């Protein structure tokens, strides 16, 4: 299937390949190459999309579990004491916005 998308400045055209999981088993190497080249490869089961193959984008390395937990604890510590003991989500706007209705 070819998808065409129009926006104000350009036309985007790309190919979408739908293939059943059972058929993909025999073609996995080729499907991975096509996905790496930018083709949209979607695996289906009983005619329904279940998995999309896409290349891994180089970027910053993902954080370890310990780093993520440390970041969550730091946020929790920073927030501790900033809100009154009776704070609840129903009154969140009272603390997020000032009297001028702008973020405070």
C-alpha atoms as a PDB file:
ATOM      1  CA  UNK A   1       0.000   0.000   0.000  1.00  0.00           C
ATOM      2  CA  UNK A   2       1.360   3.450  -0.794  1.00  0.00           C
ATOM      3  CA  UNK A   3       0.430   6.271   1.511  1.00  0.00           C
ATOM      4  CA  UNK A   4       0.412   9.871   0.314  1.00  0.00           C
ATOM      5  CA  UNK A   5       0.369  12.707   2.793  1.00  0.00           C
ATOM      6  CA  UNK A   6       0.015  16.335   1.770  1.00  0.00           C
ATOM      7  CA  UNK A   7       1.063  19.303   3.812  1.00  0.00           C
ATOM      8  CA  UNK A   8       1.621  22.931   2.985  1.00  0.00           C
ATOM      9  CA  UNK A   9       5.133  22.493   1.587  1.00  0.00           C
ATOM     10  CA  UNK A  10       5.693  18.955   0.386  1.00  0.00           C
ATOM     11  CA  UNK A  11       4.200  15.616  -0.502  1.00  0.00           C
ATOM     12  CA  UNK A  12       5.287  12.597   1.531  1.00  0.00           C
ATOM     13  CA  UNK A  13       5.044   9.237  -0.214  1.00  0.00           C
ATOM     14  CA  UNK A  14       6.089   6.007   1.408  1.00  0.00           C
ATOM     15  CA  UNK A  15       5.367   2.367   1.025  1.00  0.00           C
ATOM     16  CA  UNK A  16       3.716   0.287   3.737  1.00  0.00           C
ATOM     17  CA  UNK A  17       4.225  -3.458   3.633  1.00  0.00           C
ATOM     18  CA  UNK A  18       1.722  -5.634   5.488  1.00  0.00           C
ATOM     19  CA  UNK A  19       2.733  -9.252   5.960  1.00  0.00           C
ATOM     20  CA  UNK A  20       1.418 -12.015   8.185  1.00  0.00           C
ATOM     21  CA  UNK A  21       3.590 -13.168  11.073  1.00  0.00           C
ATOM     22  CA  UNK A  22       3.706 -16.689   9.650  1.00  0.00           C
ATOM     23  CA  UNK A  23       4.901 -15.410   6.237  1.00  0.00           C
ATOM     24  CA  UNK A  24       7.375 -13.042   7.892  1.00  0.00           C
ATOM     25  CA  UNK A  25       9.252 -15.935   9.506  1.00  0.00           C
ATOM     26  CA  UNK A  26      10.694 -16.986   6.168  1.00  0.00           C
ATOM     27  CA  UNK A  27      11.465 -13.400   5.098  1.00  0.00           C
ATOM     28  CA  UNK A  28      12.736 -11.848   8.317  1.00  0.00           C
ATOM     29  CA  UNK A  29      16.180 -10.857   7.036  1.00  0.00           C
ATOM     30  CA  UNK A  30      14.692  -9.139   3.979  1.00  0.00           C
ATOM     31  CA  UNK A  31      11.995  -7.409   6.072  1.00  0.00           C
ATOM     32  CA  UNK A  32      14.611  -6.082   8.495  1.00  0.00           C
ATOM     33  CA  UNK A  33      16.668  -4.700   5.609  1.00  0.00           C
ATOM     34  CA  UNK A  34      13.589  -3.010   4.161  1.00  0.00           C
ATOM     35  CA  UNK A  35      12.693  -1.478   7.512  1.00  0.00           C
ATOM     36  CA  UNK A  36      16.273  -0.238   7.953  1.00  0.00           C
ATOM     37  CA  UNK A  37      15.992   1.395   4.525  1.00  0.00           C
ATOM     38  CA  UNK A  38      12.952   3.345   5.715  1.00  0.00           C
ATOM     39  CA  UNK A  39      10.098   1.198   4.464  1.00  0.00           C
ATOM     40  CA  UNK A  40       7.166   0.838   6.820  1.00  0.00           C
ATOM     41  CA  UNK A  41       6.885  -2.896   7.584  1.00  0.00           C
ATOM     42  CA  UNK A  42       3.846  -4.067   9.560  1.00  0.00           C
ATOM     43  CA  UNK A  43       3.278  -7.656  10.669  1.00  0.00           C
ATOM     44  CA  UNK A  44      -0.288  -8.881  10.918  1.00  0.00           C
ATOM     45  CA  UNK A  45      -2.068 -11.702  12.679  1.00  0.00           C
ATOM     46  CA  UNK A  46      -5.480 -12.755  11.349  1.00  0.00           C
ATOM     47  CA  UNK A  47      -5.504  -9.598   9.226  1.00  0.00           C
ATOM     48  CA  UNK A  48      -4.930  -7.217  12.166  1.00  0.00           C
ATOM     49  CA  UNK A  49      -1.783  -5.142  12.593  1.00  0.00           C
ATOM     50  CA  UNK A  50       0.216  -6.382  15.579  1.00  0.00           C
ATOM     51  CA  UNK A  51       3.853  -5.299  15.147  1.00  0.00           C
ATOM     52  CA  UNK A  52       5.703  -2.562  13.274  1.00  0.00           C
ATOM     53  CA  UNK A  53       9.369  -3.027  12.347  1.00  0.00           C
ATOM     54  CA  UNK A  54      11.420   0.122  12.543  1.00  0.00           C
ATOM     55  CA  UNK A  55      15.136   0.811  12.808  1.00  0.00           C
ATOM     56  CA  UNK A  56      16.698   1.781  16.102  1.00  0.00           C
ATOM     57  CA  UNK A  57      17.585   5.453  15.972  1.00  0.00           C
ATOM     58  CA  UNK A  58      20.992   6.308  17.394  1.00  0.00           C
ATOM     59  CA  UNK A  59      20.724   8.711  20.239  1.00  0.00           C
ATOM     60  CA  UNK A  60      21.540   9.023  23.835  1.00  0.00           C
ATOM     61  CA  UNK A  61      21.850   5.684  25.595  1.00  0.00           C
ATOM     62  CA  UNK A  62      18.805   4.670  27.575  1.00  0.00           C
ATOM     63  CA  UNK A  63      19.009   4.968  31.328  1.00  0.00           C
ATOM     64  CA  UNK A  64      19.484   1.931  33.501  1.00  0.00           C
ATOM     65  CA  UNK A  65      16.740   0.890  35.893  1.00  0.00           C
ATOM     66  CA  UNK A  66      18.746   2.305  38.802  1.00  0.00           C
ATOM     67  CA  UNK A  67      19.174   5.673  37.054  1.00  0.00           C
ATOM     68  CA  UNK A  68      15.425   5.862  36.372  1.00  0.00           C
ATOM     69  CA  UNK A  69      14.581   5.046  39.999  1.00  0.00           C
ATOM     70  CA  UNK A  70      17.109   7.637  41.224  1.00  0.00           C
ATOM     71  CA  UNK A  71      15.500  10.291  38.981  1.00  0.00           C
ATOM     72  CA  UNK A  72      12.022   9.426  40.302  1.00  0.00           C
ATOM     73  CA  UNK A  73      13.260   9.682  43.917  1.00  0.00           C
ATOM     74  CA  UNK A  74      14.874  13.066  43.179  1.00  0.00           C
ATOM     75  CA  UNK A  75      11.585  14.378  41.762  1.00  0.00           C
ATOM     76  CA  UNK A  76       9.672  13.045  44.765  1.00  0.00           C
ATOM     77  CA  UNK A  77      12.136  14.674  47.171  1.00  0.00           C
ATOM     78  CA  UNK A  78      11.970  17.986  45.301  1.00  0.00           C
ATOM     79  CA  UNK A  79       8.168  17.955  45.454  1.00  0.00           C
ATOM     80  CA  UNK A  80       8.046  17.015  49.146  1.00  0.00           C
ATOM     81  CA  UNK A  81       6.940  19.980  51.225  1.00  0.00           C
ATOM     82  CA  UNK A  82       5.869  22.123  48.265  1.00  0.00           C
ATOM     83  CA  UNK A  83       2.187  21.330  48.682  1.00  0.00           C
ATOM     84  CA  UNK A  84       0.009  21.514  51.778  1.00  0.00           C
ATOM     85  CA  UNK A  85      -0.897  18.299  53.574  1.00  0.00           C
ATOM     86  CA  UNK A  86      -4.506  18.528  52.359  1.00  0.00           C
ATOM     87  CA  UNK A  87      -3.489  18.861  48.686  1.00  0.00           C
ATOM     88  CA  UNK A  88      -5.546  16.799  46.264  1.00  0.00           C
ATOM     89  CA  UNK A  89      -5.819  16.686  42.476  1.00  0.00           C
ATOM     90  CA  UNK A  90      -9.193  18.451  42.513  1.00  0.00           C
ATOM     91  CA  UNK A  91      -7.402  21.571  43.771  1.00  0.00           C
ATOM     92  CA  UNK A  92      -4.288  21.206  41.602  1.00  0.00           C
ATOM     93  CA  UNK A  93      -5.069  24.294  39.515  1.00  0.00           C
ATOM     94  CA  UNK A  94      -5.055  26.388  42.694  1.00  0.00           C
ATOM     95  CA  UNK A  95      -1.375  25.574  43.130  1.00  0.00           C
ATOM     96  CA  UNK A  96      -0.307  25.475  39.486  1.00  0.00           C
ATOM     97  CA  UNK A  97      -1.705  28.856  38.440  1.00  0.00           C
ATOM     98  CA  UNK A  98      -1.422  32.249  40.062  1.00  0.00           C
ATOM     99  CA  UNK A  99      -4.109  34.863  40.644  1.00  0.00           C
ATOM    100  CA  UNK A 100      -3.503  36.157  37.094  1.00  0.00           C
ATOM    101  CA  UNK A 101      -4.386  32.692  35.668  1.00  0.00           C
ATOM    102  CA  UNK A 102      -0.821  32.216  34.431  1.00  0.00           C
ATOM    103  CA  UNK A 103       1.435  29.351  35.483  1.00  0.00           C
ATOM    104  CA  UNK A 104       3.061  30.303  38.741  1.00  0.00           C
END
